[in-house]
Amino acid sequence: MNPSETKETTDATETTEATVAKDKATAETVEPTEAARTESAADENAFADEAEAEQDHDDEDAEEAPRASSGIGAAAAAVVAAGLGVVALSGSWVGKVAAERQTLIGQIETSQTGTPAQQISALYGDAWHTTALVNGVFALLALIVGVAVFAWPQKAGWVRAFAVAGVVLGVLGLIVSAGMYFDFFLDLPSAGAGTGS
């Protein structure tokens, strides 16, 4: 064998081995790159899922906020209904002022010219009826607000209890006010009732 042929064969073998080694190194480099890409894609998917879960949680919080305010509104309205019902039965400062105003008007209208029956009606009867009318308005408001609470969503048990109390007190207030206004409970005194002994 010729030494120059041996040298060429050795050079060709070394070149082939170098090429194979280079291809192998390139393949090893490519494989981790693809693995890194796959891992990166998995991380991105996990991040997207986490972001979507946070968005869903935020949406749920946003939906829960109006429910909470509705519960507060219903509770406040129920307490107001019960308070209005109590005012309708016990009377109010507004009713007292309106009755006193009506008494003053009666004094002006019947000053020295009215008969005793007209004076009694103008001074006491009209004031009595005005008080009954104002109390009836409070009773009607208590009834309306109490019934409106039942249309509200998300009511606690105590809210329903206050709403029922407002409705019941409103109905009682309307009955008492109607009895006062139409003189069912007490009649106005007559002009000759106190005389004659």
Protein backbone atom coordinates (compact mmCIF):
# COMPACT_ATOMS: atom_id res chain seq x y z
CA MET A 1 0.00 0.00 0.00
CA ASN A 2 1.14 3.39 -0.92
CA PRO A 3 1.81 5.80 1.95
CA SER A 4 0.05 8.62 0.12
CA GLU A 5 -3.11 6.48 -0.25
CA THR A 6 -3.00 5.64 3.44
CA LYS A 7 -2.69 9.30 4.27
CA GLU A 8 -5.64 10.18 2.04
CA THR A 9 -7.75 7.37 3.55
CA THR A 10 -6.85 8.53 7.03
CA ASP A 11 -7.70 12.14 6.12
CA ALA A 12 -11.05 11.03 4.62
CA THR A 13 -11.84 8.95 7.71
CA GLU A 14 -10.96 11.82 10.00
CA THR A 15 -13.10 14.19 7.93
CA THR A 16 -16.02 11.76 8.02
CA GLU A 17 -15.63 11.27 11.76
CA ALA A 18 -15.45 15.04 12.26
CA THR A 19 -18.62 15.51 10.19
CA VAL A 20 -20.44 12.80 12.12
CA ALA A 21 -19.29 14.30 15.42
CA LYS A 22 -20.41 17.74 14.24
CA ASP A 23 -23.83 16.39 13.15
CA LYS A 24 -24.19 14.59 16.45
CA ALA A 25 -23.36 17.75 18.42
CA THR A 26 -25.81 19.71 16.30
CA ALA A 27 -28.52 17.11 16.91
CA GLU A 28 -27.85 17.21 20.65
CA THR A 29 -28.03 21.00 20.55
CA VAL A 30 -31.29 20.93 18.60
CA GLU A 31 -32.92 18.37 20.87
CA PRO A 32 -32.55 20.49 24.04
CA THR A 33 -33.75 23.51 22.11
CA GLU A 34 -36.93 21.69 21.12
CA ALA A 35 -37.35 20.44 24.69
CA ALA A 36 -36.87 23.99 25.92
CA ARG A 37 -39.50 25.18 23.45
CA THR A 38 -41.96 22.53 24.63
CA GLU A 39 -41.28 23.42 28.24
CA SER A 40 -41.67 27.13 27.46
CA ALA A 41 -44.99 26.45 25.72
CA ALA A 42 -46.18 24.47 28.76
CA ASP A 43 -45.18 27.36 31.02
CA GLU A 44 -47.06 29.80 28.79
CA ASN A 45 -50.17 27.60 28.87
CA ALA A 46 -49.95 27.34 32.65
CA PHE A 47 -49.57 31.12 32.91
CA ALA A 48 -52.56 31.66 30.59
CA ASP A 49 -54.67 29.23 32.64
CA GLU A 50 -53.68 31.02 35.85
CA ALA A 51 -54.52 34.42 34.35
CA GLU A 52 -57.89 33.10 33.18
CA ALA A 53 -58.62 31.69 36.64
CA GLU A 54 -57.78 35.07 38.20
CA GLN A 55 -60.06 36.80 35.69
CA ASP A 56 -62.89 34.39 36.54
CA HIS A 57 -62.31 35.05 40.25
CA ASP A 58 -62.41 38.82 39.63
CA ASP A 59 -65.63 38.41 37.65
CA GLU A 60 -67.16 36.44 40.53
CA ASP A 61 -66.12 39.18 42.97
CA ALA A 62 -67.69 41.79 40.70
CA GLU A 63 -70.91 39.78 40.59
CA GLU A 64 -70.96 39.39 44.37
CA ALA A 65 -70.60 43.13 45.02
CA PRO A 66 -74.12 44.07 43.80
CA ARG A 67 -75.58 41.20 45.82
CA ALA A 68 -74.04 42.61 48.97
CA SER A 69 -75.40 46.10 48.30
CA SER A 70 -78.82 44.60 47.56
CA GLY A 71 -78.75 42.91 50.95
CA ILE A 72 -77.84 46.17 52.65
CA GLY A 73 -80.57 48.03 50.78
CA ALA A 74 -83.19 45.45 51.72
CA ALA A 75 -82.10 45.54 55.36
CA ALA A 76 -82.27 49.33 55.50
CA ALA A 77 -85.66 49.40 53.79
CA ALA A 78 -87.05 46.79 56.21
CA VAL A 79 -85.93 48.82 59.23
CA VAL A 80 -87.41 51.98 57.68
CA ALA A 81 -90.72 50.18 57.07
CA ALA A 82 -90.92 49.09 60.71
CA GLY A 83 -90.04 52.62 61.87
CA LEU A 84 -92.69 54.18 59.65
CA GLY A 85 -95.25 51.73 61.03
CA VAL A 86 -94.41 52.74 64.61
CA VAL A 87 -94.69 56.43 63.68
CA ALA A 88 -98.07 55.79 62.01
CA LEU A 89 -99.46 54.33 65.24
CA SER A 90 -97.87 56.71 67.74
CA GLY A 91 -98.07 59.96 65.79
CA SER A 92 -95.37 62.29 64.58
CA TRP A 93 -94.14 65.83 64.92
CA VAL A 94 -95.42 66.50 61.39
CA GLY A 95 -98.93 65.41 62.37
CA LYS A 96 -98.85 67.59 65.49
CA VAL A 97 -97.74 70.67 63.55
CA ALA A 98 -100.39 70.06 60.86
CA ALA A 99 -103.09 69.68 63.54
CA GLU A 100 -102.04 72.89 65.29
CA ARG A 101 -102.08 74.71 61.97
CA GLN A 102 -105.59 73.44 61.29
CA THR A 103 -106.68 74.60 64.75
CA LEU A 104 -105.33 78.08 64.06
CA ILE A 105 -107.16 78.19 60.73
CA GLY A 106 -110.35 77.13 62.53
CA GLN A 107 -109.92 79.92 65.09
CA ILE A 108 -109.50 82.50 62.35
CA GLU A 109 -112.51 81.26 60.35
CA THR A 110 -114.93 80.99 63.28
CA SER A 111 -113.85 83.95 65.40
CA GLN A 112 -117.04 85.16 67.12
CA THR A 113 -119.30 84.47 64.13
CA GLY A 114 -119.59 80.69 64.12
CA THR A 115 -122.04 78.61 66.03
CA PRO A 116 -120.76 76.35 68.82
CA ALA A 117 -121.04 73.30 66.54
CA GLN A 118 -119.00 75.04 63.82
CA GLN A 119 -116.37 76.09 66.37
CA ILE A 120 -116.06 72.55 67.72
CA SER A 121 -115.74 71.16 64.21
CA ALA A 122 -113.23 73.82 63.09
CA LEU A 123 -111.10 73.85 66.24
CA TYR A 124 -111.04 70.15 67.13
CA GLY A 125 -112.61 68.05 64.40
CA ASP A 126 -110.49 69.37 61.54
CA ALA A 127 -107.30 69.09 63.61
CA TRP A 128 -108.26 65.52 64.60
CA HIS A 129 -108.87 64.60 60.96
CA THR A 130 -105.61 66.23 59.87
CA THR A 131 -103.68 64.14 62.42
CA ALA A 132 -105.44 61.01 61.19
CA LEU A 133 -104.58 61.89 57.59
CA VAL A 134 -100.88 62.42 58.33
CA ASN A 135 -100.71 59.19 60.34
CA GLY A 136 -102.45 57.40 57.45
CA VAL A 137 -99.77 58.64 55.04
CA PHE A 138 -97.03 57.24 57.30
CA ALA A 139 -98.93 53.95 57.54
CA LEU A 140 -99.27 53.74 53.76
CA LEU A 141 -95.55 54.42 53.31
CA ALA A 142 -94.72 51.68 55.85
CA LEU A 143 -96.93 49.27 53.95
CA ILE A 144 -95.42 50.12 50.54
CA VAL A 145 -91.80 49.91 51.74
CA GLY A 146 -92.46 46.68 53.64
CA VAL A 147 -94.00 45.02 50.58
CA ALA A 148 -91.18 46.31 48.36
CA VAL A 149 -88.61 44.58 50.60
CA PHE A 150 -90.13 41.21 49.69
CA ALA A 151 -89.30 41.87 46.02
CA TRP A 152 -85.61 42.34 46.89
CA PRO A 153 -83.30 39.37 46.30
CA GLN A 154 -80.89 38.04 48.93
CA LYS A 155 -82.82 38.70 52.14
CA ALA A 156 -81.66 37.46 55.54
CA GLY A 157 -84.15 36.09 58.03
CA TRP A 158 -84.12 39.16 60.26
CA VAL A 159 -84.71 41.40 57.22
CA ARG A 160 -87.91 39.48 56.45
CA ALA A 161 -88.97 39.83 60.08
CA PHE A 162 -88.57 43.61 59.95
CA ALA A 163 -90.41 43.75 56.62
CA VAL A 164 -93.31 41.76 58.06
CA ALA A 165 -93.36 44.07 61.08
CA GLY A 166 -93.47 47.10 58.77
CA VAL A 167 -96.36 45.63 56.76
CA VAL A 168 -98.36 44.65 59.87
CA LEU A 169 -97.80 48.02 61.56
CA GLY A 170 -98.70 49.77 58.30
CA VAL A 171 -101.99 47.88 58.04
CA LEU A 172 -102.80 48.60 61.70
CA GLY A 173 -101.89 52.25 61.18
CA LEU A 174 -104.21 52.48 58.18
CA ILE A 175 -107.08 50.95 60.20
CA VAL A 176 -106.54 53.32 63.14
CA SER A 177 -106.15 56.35 60.86
CA ALA A 178 -109.33 55.51 58.96
CA GLY A 179 -111.18 55.07 62.26
CA MET A 180 -109.93 58.46 63.45
CA TYR A 181 -110.71 60.22 60.19
CA PHE A 182 -114.26 58.88 59.88
CA ASP A 183 -114.95 59.19 63.65
CA PHE A 184 -115.48 55.46 64.19
CA PHE A 185 -113.72 55.43 67.58
CA LEU A 186 -114.85 58.71 69.09
CA ASP A 187 -117.47 61.20 67.93
CA LEU A 188 -116.95 64.92 68.19
CA PRO A 189 -118.72 66.36 71.21
CA SER A 190 -122.01 68.09 70.45
CA ALA A 191 -122.66 71.72 71.36
CA GLY A 192 -125.23 70.95 74.06
CA ALA A 193 -123.46 68.01 75.71
CA GLY A 194 -121.77 70.02 78.48
CA THR A 195 -124.71 72.25 79.36
CA GLY A 196 -127.83 71.56 81.36
CA SER A 197 -126.89 70.76 84.94
